[in-house]
Amino acid sequence: MDVALLEVTAVLYLLATGSFIIYLFLPRDFLSRFSPLLLLAGLIIHTSALGVHFFQTGFPAVTQFREALSFFSWLMVAVYLLVQLRYRLTVLGSFIAPLAFLMSLAAFAFGTGSEELPPALKTYWLPLHVTLAFLGNAVFALAFGVSLMYLLQEYQLKNKKMTGLYKRFPSLETLDRLNYVFLVWGFPLMTLGILTGSMWAGIHWGNYWSWEPRQISSAITWILYGALLQGRITAGLRGKKAALLTMVGFAVVLGSFLWGDSVFPSRHSGSFE
């Protein structure tokens, strides 16, 4: 049942992607309202799919890689829609909707069967740790989106190419401020995700840190985003450099997420008891 709902979710995310992209080149008030509504419809169906999975299995859909992909995209869409209520950043949906669709689509490529939950993952620490960590990553995805928009907008201004996108994108000052806001929210969430993961490891395995590749990449990402946020607060780091570093940080996050456990099996996948 949850598989069929996920298929509908992917279709709605695809339709939302098309609607957002059309809005980029054909700005209409109707599309600025309709595109987020399509994404919201997908989120509702997606939430139903996650709920069905939970009631069928008794645990959240985050234990397998395909489930993690789905959960990540769900949180990313939810965070974007909340931001949309506050800032009316319809244009940002043009970057978030395609990513959510691709992640939902990729989830099907890794199979649809359910597996027995490893004993190490049968704990309340699992949803707490994963939700906090993925929430931080979802906020960083939005920071990535506004950083990419910043670079595109700066390129247009620098080369005096005032295309239609120039009118749709917020000002450089607004994009830079949003980058900072997302970093301020994302970094504490990521920190809490790492701390809950370490506490879980300490309670279950007896050591809080084991230098696994996933933990090392998380530490590198935490240091990078921490240095970036510190630079913004104390050293006046902003603009193009801040945007580039934000995108590098999210590239590390995405790379670790997509290839971490597939290349280096670890406790995150329940491979070790």
C-alpha atoms as a PDB file:
ATOM      1  CA  MET A   1       0.000   0.000   0.000  1.00  0.00           C
ATOM      2  CA  ASP A   2       2.742   2.476   0.934  1.00  0.00           C
ATOM      3  CA  VAL A   3       4.539   1.689  -2.358  1.00  0.00           C
ATOM      4  CA  ALA A   4       1.507   2.773  -4.403  1.00  0.00           C
ATOM      5  CA  LEU A   5       1.275   5.961  -2.355  1.00  0.00           C
ATOM      6  CA  LEU A   6       4.958   6.664  -2.957  1.00  0.00           C
ATOM      7  CA  GLU A   7       4.396   6.265  -6.700  1.00  0.00           C
ATOM      8  CA  VAL A   8       1.626   8.861  -6.547  1.00  0.00           C
ATOM      9  CA  THR A   9       3.939  11.081  -4.493  1.00  0.00           C
ATOM     10  CA  ALA A  10       6.671  10.888  -7.146  1.00  0.00           C
ATOM     11  CA  VAL A  11       4.162  11.809  -9.868  1.00  0.00           C
ATOM     12  CA  LEU A  12       2.950  14.832  -7.891  1.00  0.00           C
ATOM     13  CA  TYR A  13       6.528  15.947  -7.225  1.00  0.00           C
ATOM     14  CA  LEU A  14       7.222  15.645 -10.948  1.00  0.00           C
ATOM     15  CA  LEU A  15       4.154  17.740 -11.803  1.00  0.00           C
ATOM     16  CA  ALA A  16       5.212  20.303  -9.193  1.00  0.00           C
ATOM     17  CA  THR A  17       8.691  20.383 -10.746  1.00  0.00           C
ATOM     18  CA  GLY A  18       7.209  21.140 -14.154  1.00  0.00           C
ATOM     19  CA  SER A  19       4.950  23.826 -12.708  1.00  0.00           C
ATOM     20  CA  PHE A  20       7.805  25.535 -10.850  1.00  0.00           C
ATOM     21  CA  ILE A  21      10.031  25.492 -13.941  1.00  0.00           C
ATOM     22  CA  ILE A  22       7.261  26.977 -16.079  1.00  0.00           C
ATOM     23  CA  TYR A  23       6.897  29.688 -13.430  1.00  0.00           C
ATOM     24  CA  LEU A  24      10.571  30.590 -13.905  1.00  0.00           C
ATOM     25  CA  PHE A  25       9.982  31.486 -17.539  1.00  0.00           C
ATOM     26  CA  LEU A  26       6.311  32.402 -17.445  1.00  0.00           C
ATOM     27  CA  PRO A  27       5.608  34.151 -14.138  1.00  0.00           C
ATOM     28  CA  ARG A  28       1.930  34.155 -13.362  1.00  0.00           C
ATOM     29  CA  ASP A  29       0.135  34.636 -10.064  1.00  0.00           C
ATOM     30  CA  PHE A  30      -1.763  31.427 -10.735  1.00  0.00           C
ATOM     31  CA  LEU A  31       1.456  29.422 -11.017  1.00  0.00           C
ATOM     32  CA  SER A  32       2.948  31.034  -7.910  1.00  0.00           C
ATOM     33  CA  ARG A  33      -0.018  29.651  -5.948  1.00  0.00           C
ATOM     34  CA  PHE A  34      -0.580  26.417  -7.859  1.00  0.00           C
ATOM     35  CA  SER A  35       3.026  25.137  -7.769  1.00  0.00           C
ATOM     36  CA  PRO A  36       3.337  25.048  -3.954  1.00  0.00           C
ATOM     37  CA  LEU A  37      -0.139  23.496  -3.755  1.00  0.00           C
ATOM     38  CA  LEU A  38       0.982  20.667  -6.040  1.00  0.00           C
ATOM     39  CA  LEU A  39       3.999  20.152  -3.822  1.00  0.00           C
ATOM     40  CA  LEU A  40       1.732  20.204  -0.763  1.00  0.00           C
ATOM     41  CA  ALA A  41      -0.498  17.550  -2.336  1.00  0.00           C
ATOM     42  CA  GLY A  42       2.573  15.397  -2.872  1.00  0.00           C
ATOM     43  CA  LEU A  43       3.627  15.972   0.744  1.00  0.00           C
ATOM     44  CA  ILE A  44       0.216  14.865   2.033  1.00  0.00           C
ATOM     45  CA  ILE A  45       0.338  11.633   0.027  1.00  0.00           C
ATOM     46  CA  HIS A  46       3.964  11.153   1.058  1.00  0.00           C
ATOM     47  CA  THR A  47       2.999  11.560   4.723  1.00  0.00           C
ATOM     48  CA  SER A  48       0.264   8.968   4.261  1.00  0.00           C
ATOM     49  CA  ALA A  49       2.798   6.544   2.761  1.00  0.00           C
ATOM     50  CA  LEU A  50       5.144   6.980   5.715  1.00  0.00           C
ATOM     51  CA  GLY A  51       2.239   6.522   8.121  1.00  0.00           C
ATOM     52  CA  VAL A  52       1.074   3.314   6.410  1.00  0.00           C
ATOM     53  CA  HIS A  53       4.612   1.941   6.570  1.00  0.00           C
ATOM     54  CA  PHE A  54       4.803   2.667  10.286  1.00  0.00           C
ATOM     55  CA  PHE A  55       1.506   0.962  11.094  1.00  0.00           C
ATOM     56  CA  GLN A  56       2.400  -2.042   8.940  1.00  0.00           C
ATOM     57  CA  THR A  57       5.892  -2.567  10.316  1.00  0.00           C
ATOM     58  CA  GLY A  58       5.910  -0.874  13.709  1.00  0.00           C
ATOM     59  CA  PHE A  59       8.957   1.251  12.955  1.00  0.00           C
ATOM     60  CA  PRO A  60       9.586   4.437  10.907  1.00  0.00           C
ATOM     61  CA  ALA A  61      10.633   4.214   7.266  1.00  0.00           C
ATOM     62  CA  VAL A  62      14.251   5.248   7.755  1.00  0.00           C
ATOM     63  CA  THR A  63      16.172   1.986   8.230  1.00  0.00           C
ATOM     64  CA  GLN A  64      16.944   1.149   4.593  1.00  0.00           C
ATOM     65  CA  PHE A  65      18.682   3.374   2.093  1.00  0.00           C
ATOM     66  CA  ARG A  66      15.598   3.712  -0.122  1.00  0.00           C
ATOM     67  CA  GLU A  67      13.547   4.634   2.948  1.00  0.00           C
ATOM     68  CA  ALA A  68      16.118   7.213   3.997  1.00  0.00           C
ATOM     69  CA  LEU A  69      15.942   8.769   0.524  1.00  0.00           C
ATOM     70  CA  SER A  70      12.170   9.004   0.819  1.00  0.00           C
ATOM     71  CA  PHE A  71      12.302  10.424   4.351  1.00  0.00           C
ATOM     72  CA  PHE A  72      14.925  13.001   3.370  1.00  0.00           C
ATOM     73  CA  SER A  73      12.818  14.230   0.446  1.00  0.00           C
ATOM     74  CA  TRP A  74       9.715  14.362   2.681  1.00  0.00           C
ATOM     75  CA  LEU A  75      11.452  16.552   5.249  1.00  0.00           C
ATOM     76  CA  MET A  76      12.972  18.748   2.554  1.00  0.00           C
ATOM     77  CA  VAL A  77       9.578  19.443   0.994  1.00  0.00           C
ATOM     78  CA  ALA A  78       7.992  20.051   4.404  1.00  0.00           C
ATOM     79  CA  VAL A  79      10.699  22.538   5.414  1.00  0.00           C
ATOM     80  CA  TYR A  80      10.435  24.351   2.090  1.00  0.00           C
ATOM     81  CA  LEU A  81       6.649  24.717   2.392  1.00  0.00           C
ATOM     82  CA  LEU A  82       7.050  26.136   5.905  1.00  0.00           C
ATOM     83  CA  VAL A  83       9.619  28.615   4.583  1.00  0.00           C
ATOM     84  CA  GLN A  84       7.270  29.459   1.722  1.00  0.00           C
ATOM     85  CA  LEU A  85       4.606  30.528   4.226  1.00  0.00           C
ATOM     86  CA  ARG A  86       7.043  33.000   5.776  1.00  0.00           C
ATOM     87  CA  TYR A  87       9.084  34.297   2.843  1.00  0.00           C
ATOM     88  CA  ARG A  88       6.983  33.574  -0.284  1.00  0.00           C
ATOM     89  CA  LEU A  89       9.974  32.092  -2.132  1.00  0.00           C
ATOM     90  CA  THR A  90       8.120  30.391  -4.953  1.00  0.00           C
ATOM     91  CA  VAL A  91      11.238  30.508  -7.105  1.00  0.00           C
ATOM     92  CA  LEU A  92      13.138  28.398  -4.547  1.00  0.00           C
ATOM     93  CA  GLY A  93      10.700  25.594  -5.256  1.00  0.00           C
ATOM     94  CA  SER A  94      12.244  25.349  -8.726  1.00  0.00           C
ATOM     95  CA  PHE A  95      15.340  23.913  -7.034  1.00  0.00           C
ATOM     96  CA  ILE A  96      13.707  21.925  -4.225  1.00  0.00           C
ATOM     97  CA  ALA A  97      10.944  20.174  -6.200  1.00  0.00           C
ATOM     98  CA  PRO A  98      13.303  18.559  -8.761  1.00  0.00           C
ATOM     99  CA  LEU A  99      15.595  17.342  -6.001  1.00  0.00           C
ATOM    100  CA  ALA A 100      12.640  15.892  -4.076  1.00  0.00           C
ATOM    101  CA  PHE A 101      11.381  14.160  -7.227  1.00  0.00           C
ATOM    102  CA  LEU A 102      14.793  12.680  -8.061  1.00  0.00           C
ATOM    103  CA  MET A 103      15.268  11.388  -4.527  1.00  0.00           C
ATOM    104  CA  SER A 104      11.775   9.868  -4.495  1.00  0.00           C
ATOM    105  CA  LEU A 105      12.376   8.287  -7.880  1.00  0.00           C
ATOM    106  CA  ALA A 106      15.767   6.943  -6.822  1.00  0.00           C
ATOM    107  CA  ALA A 107      14.161   5.301  -3.799  1.00  0.00           C
ATOM    108  CA  PHE A 108      12.350   2.897  -6.162  1.00  0.00           C
ATOM    109  CA  ALA A 109      15.609   1.859  -7.787  1.00  0.00           C
ATOM    110  CA  PHE A 110      16.702   0.177  -4.564  1.00  0.00           C
ATOM    111  CA  GLY A 111      13.715  -2.153  -4.286  1.00  0.00           C
ATOM    112  CA  THR A 112      10.408  -2.045  -2.450  1.00  0.00           C
ATOM    113  CA  GLY A 113      10.550  -5.006  -0.080  1.00  0.00           C
ATOM    114  CA  SER A 114      10.585  -4.793   3.705  1.00  0.00           C
ATOM    115  CA  GLU A 115      13.330  -6.347   5.787  1.00  0.00           C
ATOM    116  CA  GLU A 116      13.514  -7.368   9.423  1.00  0.00           C
ATOM    117  CA  LEU A 117      14.705  -4.486  11.549  1.00  0.00           C
ATOM    118  CA  PRO A 118      18.190  -5.208  12.982  1.00  0.00           C
ATOM    119  CA  PRO A 119      18.171  -5.420  16.815  1.00  0.00           C
ATOM    120  CA  ALA A 120      20.575  -2.479  17.051  1.00  0.00           C
ATOM    121  CA  LEU A 121      17.961  -0.243  15.387  1.00  0.00           C
ATOM    122  CA  LYS A 122      15.045  -1.250  17.606  1.00  0.00           C
ATOM    123  CA  THR A 123      15.269   1.810  19.824  1.00  0.00           C
ATOM    124  CA  TYR A 124      13.613   5.195  20.240  1.00  0.00           C
ATOM    125  CA  TRP A 125      17.020   6.747  19.525  1.00  0.00           C
ATOM    126  CA  LEU A 126      16.570   5.850  15.851  1.00  0.00           C
ATOM    127  CA  PRO A 127      13.727   8.255  14.957  1.00  0.00           C
ATOM    128  CA  LEU A 128      15.141  10.957  17.254  1.00  0.00           C
ATOM    129  CA  HIS A 129      18.640  10.845  15.769  1.00  0.00           C
ATOM    130  CA  VAL A 130      17.529  10.464  12.146  1.00  0.00           C
ATOM    131  CA  THR A 131      14.860  13.178  12.314  1.00  0.00           C
ATOM    132  CA  LEU A 132      17.224  15.761  13.818  1.00  0.00           C
ATOM    133  CA  ALA A 133      20.047  14.917  11.417  1.00  0.00           C
ATOM    134  CA  PHE A 134      17.789  14.934   8.352  1.00  0.00           C
ATOM    135  CA  LEU A 135      16.080  18.141   9.452  1.00  0.00           C
ATOM    136  CA  GLY A 136      19.475  19.813   9.523  1.00  0.00           C
ATOM    137  CA  ASN A 137      20.260  18.402   6.078  1.00  0.00           C
ATOM    138  CA  ALA A 138      16.881  19.567   4.745  1.00  0.00           C
ATOM    139  CA  VAL A 139      17.582  23.128   5.924  1.00  0.00           C
ATOM    140  CA  PHE A 140      21.036  22.927   4.340  1.00  0.00           C
ATOM    141  CA  ALA A 141      19.332  21.895   1.087  1.00  0.00           C
ATOM    142  CA  LEU A 142      17.420  25.171   1.165  1.00  0.00           C
ATOM    143  CA  ALA A 143      20.651  27.017   1.928  1.00  0.00           C
ATOM    144  CA  PHE A 144      22.153  25.299  -1.118  1.00  0.00           C
ATOM    145  CA  GLY A 145      19.212  26.473  -3.238  1.00  0.00           C
ATOM    146  CA  VAL A 146      19.473  30.124  -2.220  1.00  0.00           C
ATOM    147  CA  SER A 147      23.273  29.982  -2.632  1.00  0.00           C
ATOM    148  CA  LEU A 148      22.887  28.716  -6.191  1.00  0.00           C
ATOM    149  CA  MET A 149      20.363  31.474  -6.847  1.00  0.00           C
ATOM    150  CA  TYR A 150      22.849  33.992  -5.414  1.00  0.00           C
ATOM    151  CA  LEU A 151      25.575  32.881  -7.822  1.00  0.00           C
ATOM    152  CA  LEU A 152      23.200  32.965 -10.794  1.00  0.00           C
ATOM    153  CA  GLN A 153      21.925  36.400  -9.808  1.00  0.00           C
ATOM    154  CA  GLU A 154      25.443  37.744  -9.302  1.00  0.00           C
ATOM    155  CA  TYR A 155      26.483  36.381 -12.704  1.00  0.00           C
ATOM    156  CA  GLN A 156      23.587  38.180 -14.358  1.00  0.00           C
ATOM    157  CA  LEU A 157      24.455  41.454 -12.659  1.00  0.00           C
ATOM    158  CA  LYS A 158      28.172  41.143 -13.335  1.00  0.00           C
ATOM    159  CA  ASN A 159      27.645  40.430 -17.027  1.00  0.00           C
ATOM    160  CA  LYS A 160      24.683  42.816 -17.303  1.00  0.00           C
ATOM    161  CA  LYS A 161      22.417  40.037 -18.561  1.00  0.00           C
ATOM    162  CA  MET A 162      19.091  41.116 -17.133  1.00  0.00           C
ATOM    163  CA  THR A 163      17.062  38.094 -18.203  1.00  0.00           C
ATOM    164  CA  GLY A 164      13.629  37.154 -16.962  1.00  0.00           C
ATOM    165  CA  LEU A 165      15.239  35.173 -14.160  1.00  0.00           C
ATOM    166  CA  TYR A 166      16.735  38.388 -12.797  1.00  0.00           C
ATOM    167  CA  LYS A 167      13.253  39.701 -12.095  1.00  0.00           C
ATOM    168  CA  ARG A 168      12.114  36.438 -10.502  1.00  0.00           C
ATOM    169  CA  PHE A 169      15.102  36.041  -8.176  1.00  0.00           C
ATOM    170  CA  PRO A 170      15.275  38.003  -4.915  1.00  0.00           C
ATOM    171  CA  SER A 171      18.007  40.604  -4.507  1.00  0.00           C
ATOM    172  CA  LEU A 172      21.544  39.570  -3.616  1.00  0.00           C
ATOM    173  CA  GLU A 173      21.095  41.067  -0.151  1.00  0.00           C
ATOM    174  CA  THR A 174      17.935  39.022   0.451  1.00  0.00           C
ATOM    175  CA  LEU A 175      19.532  35.804  -0.792  1.00  0.00           C
ATOM    176  CA  ASP A 176      22.603  36.356   1.383  1.00  0.00           C
ATOM    177  CA  ARG A 177      20.409  37.003   4.417  1.00  0.00           C
ATOM    178  CA  LEU A 178      18.394  33.846   3.744  1.00  0.00           C
ATOM    179  CA  ASN A 179      21.612  31.869   3.469  1.00  0.00           C
ATOM    180  CA  TYR A 180      22.547  33.084   6.938  1.00  0.00           C
ATOM    181  CA  VAL A 181      19.100  32.315   8.367  1.00  0.00           C
ATOM    182  CA  PHE A 182      19.194  28.742   7.035  1.00  0.00           C
ATOM    183  CA  LEU A 183      22.699  28.223   8.415  1.00  0.00           C
ATOM    184  CA  VAL A 184      21.571  29.461  11.829  1.00  0.00           C
ATOM    185  CA  TRP A 185      18.758  26.889  11.849  1.00  0.00           C
ATOM    186  CA  GLY A 186      20.556  24.033  10.125  1.00  0.00           C
ATOM    187  CA  PHE A 187      23.739  23.982  12.189  1.00  0.00           C
ATOM    188  CA  PRO A 188      22.096  23.440  15.622  1.00  0.00           C
ATOM    189  CA  LEU A 189      19.865  20.720  14.148  1.00  0.00           C
ATOM    190  CA  MET A 190      22.895  18.985  12.666  1.00  0.00           C
ATOM    191  CA  THR A 191      24.704  19.312  15.999  1.00  0.00           C
ATOM    192  CA  LEU A 192      21.786  17.722  17.848  1.00  0.00           C
ATOM    193  CA  GLY A 193      21.695  14.942  15.254  1.00  0.00           C
ATOM    194  CA  ILE A 194      25.375  14.161  15.860  1.00  0.00           C
ATOM    195  CA  LEU A 195      24.976  14.338  19.646  1.00  0.00           C
ATOM    196  CA  THR A 196      21.965  12.002  19.726  1.00  0.00           C
ATOM    197  CA  GLY A 197      23.802   9.609  17.426  1.00  0.00           C
ATOM    198  CA  SER A 198      26.826   9.603  19.741  1.00  0.00           C
ATOM    199  CA  MET A 199      24.630   9.063  22.813  1.00  0.00           C
ATOM    200  CA  TRP A 200      22.891   6.177  21.058  1.00  0.00           C
ATOM    201  CA  ALA A 201      26.270   4.618  20.181  1.00  0.00           C
ATOM    202  CA  GLY A 202      27.519   5.060  23.736  1.00  0.00           C
ATOM    203  CA  ILE A 203      24.458   3.408  25.258  1.00  0.00           C
ATOM    204  CA  HIS A 204      24.235   0.510  22.798  1.00  0.00           C
ATOM    205  CA  TRP A 205      27.862  -0.166  21.833  1.00  0.00           C
ATOM    206  CA  GLY A 206      29.718   1.317  24.787  1.00  0.00           C
ATOM    207  CA  ASN A 207      31.688   3.946  22.873  1.00  0.00           C
ATOM    208  CA  TYR A 208      30.448   7.342  21.782  1.00  0.00           C
ATOM    209  CA  TRP A 209      32.765   7.683  18.798  1.00  0.00           C
ATOM    210  CA  SER A 210      34.287   4.920  16.669  1.00  0.00           C
ATOM    211  CA  TRP A 211      35.776   6.840  13.731  1.00  0.00           C
ATOM    212  CA  GLU A 212      33.550   5.221  11.133  1.00  0.00           C
ATOM    213  CA  PRO A 213      33.562   6.858   7.670  1.00  0.00           C
ATOM    214  CA  ARG A 214      30.014   8.204   8.201  1.00  0.00           C
ATOM    215  CA  GLN A 215      30.983   9.735  11.525  1.00  0.00           C
ATOM    216  CA  ILE A 216      34.143  11.219  10.048  1.00  0.00           C
ATOM    217  CA  SER A 217      32.221  12.790   7.153  1.00  0.00           C
ATOM    218  CA  SER A 218      29.651  14.155   9.618  1.00  0.00           C
ATOM    219  CA  ALA A 219      32.447  15.700  11.665  1.00  0.00           C
ATOM    220  CA  ILE A 220      34.018  17.251   8.556  1.00  0.00           C
ATOM    221  CA  THR A 221      30.653  18.695   7.511  1.00  0.00           C
ATOM    222  CA  TRP A 222      29.991  19.984  11.037  1.00  0.00           C
ATOM    223  CA  ILE A 223      33.392  21.711  11.136  1.00  0.00           C
ATOM    224  CA  LEU A 224      32.872  23.209   7.675  1.00  0.00           C
ATOM    225  CA  TYR A 225      29.409  24.600   8.443  1.00  0.00           C
ATOM    226  CA  GLY A 226      30.545  25.693  11.919  1.00  0.00           C
ATOM    227  CA  ALA A 227      33.495  27.599  10.464  1.00  0.00           C
ATOM    228  CA  LEU A 228      31.234  29.136   7.838  1.00  0.00           C
ATOM    229  CA  LEU A 229      28.698  30.261  10.431  1.00  0.00           C
ATOM    230  CA  GLN A 230      31.457  31.567  12.701  1.00  0.00           C
ATOM    231  CA  GLY A 231      32.940  33.466   9.758  1.00  0.00           C
ATOM    232  CA  ARG A 232      29.596  35.031   8.997  1.00  0.00           C
ATOM    233  CA  ILE A 233      29.030  36.079  12.594  1.00  0.00           C
ATOM    234  CA  THR A 234      32.496  37.351  13.524  1.00  0.00           C
ATOM    235  CA  ALA A 235      34.474  37.968  10.329  1.00  0.00           C
ATOM    236  CA  GLY A 236      31.825  39.388   8.037  1.00  0.00           C
ATOM    237  CA  LEU A 237      31.993  36.466   5.612  1.00  0.00           C
ATOM    238  CA  ARG A 238      29.176  36.878   3.125  1.00  0.00           C
ATOM    239  CA  GLY A 239      28.290  37.088  -0.532  1.00  0.00           C
ATOM    240  CA  LYS A 240      29.884  34.835  -3.142  1.00  0.00           C
ATOM    241  CA  LYS A 241      32.383  33.158  -0.797  1.00  0.00           C
ATOM    242  CA  ALA A 242      29.657  32.261   1.685  1.00  0.00           C
ATOM    243  CA  ALA A 243      27.462  30.920  -1.115  1.00  0.00           C
ATOM    244  CA  LEU A 244      30.261  28.752  -2.516  1.00  0.00           C
ATOM    245  CA  LEU A 245      31.186  27.331   0.891  1.00  0.00           C
ATOM    246  CA  THR A 246      27.527  26.582   1.603  1.00  0.00           C
ATOM    247  CA  MET A 247      27.278  24.629  -1.638  1.00  0.00           C
ATOM    248  CA  VAL A 248      30.489  22.721  -0.864  1.00  0.00           C
ATOM    249  CA  GLY A 249      29.086  21.793   2.540  1.00  0.00           C
ATOM    250  CA  PHE A 250      25.879  20.439   1.040  1.00  0.00           C
ATOM    251  CA  ALA A 251      27.858  18.507  -1.587  1.00  0.00           C
ATOM    252  CA  VAL A 252      29.660  16.743   1.280  1.00  0.00           C
ATOM    253  CA  VAL A 253      26.335  16.097   3.026  1.00  0.00           C
ATOM    254  CA  LEU A 254      24.783  14.669  -0.127  1.00  0.00           C
ATOM    255  CA  GLY A 255      27.837  12.606  -1.027  1.00  0.00           C
ATOM    256  CA  SER A 256      28.043  11.085   2.441  1.00  0.00           C
ATOM    257  CA  PHE A 257      24.323  10.339   2.410  1.00  0.00           C
ATOM    258  CA  LEU A 258      24.228   8.771  -1.055  1.00  0.00           C
ATOM    259  CA  TRP A 259      27.412   6.714  -0.906  1.00  0.00           C
ATOM    260  CA  GLY A 260      28.333   6.416   2.776  1.00  0.00           C
ATOM    261  CA  ASP A 261      26.942   3.032   3.793  1.00  0.00           C
ATOM    262  CA  SER A 262      27.019   1.565   0.289  1.00  0.00           C
ATOM    263  CA  VAL A 263      30.800   2.047   0.119  1.00  0.00           C
ATOM    264  CA  PHE A 264      31.622   1.714   3.833  1.00  0.00           C
ATOM    265  CA  PRO A 265      29.134  -0.502   5.758  1.00  0.00           C
ATOM    266  CA  SER A 266      28.628   0.791   9.277  1.00  0.00           C
ATOM    267  CA  ARG A 267      26.373   0.784  12.292  1.00  0.00           C
ATOM    268  CA  HIS A 268      24.097   3.259  10.531  1.00  0.00           C
ATOM    269  CA  SER A 269      22.843   0.439   8.321  1.00  0.00           C
ATOM    270  CA  GLY A 270      22.662  -2.050  11.176  1.00  0.00           C
ATOM    271  CA  SER A 271      25.600  -3.937   9.704  1.00  0.00           C
ATOM    272  CA  PHE A 272      27.329  -4.321  13.059  1.00  0.00           C
ATOM    273  CA  GLU A 273      25.746  -5.385  16.292  1.00  0.00           C
END
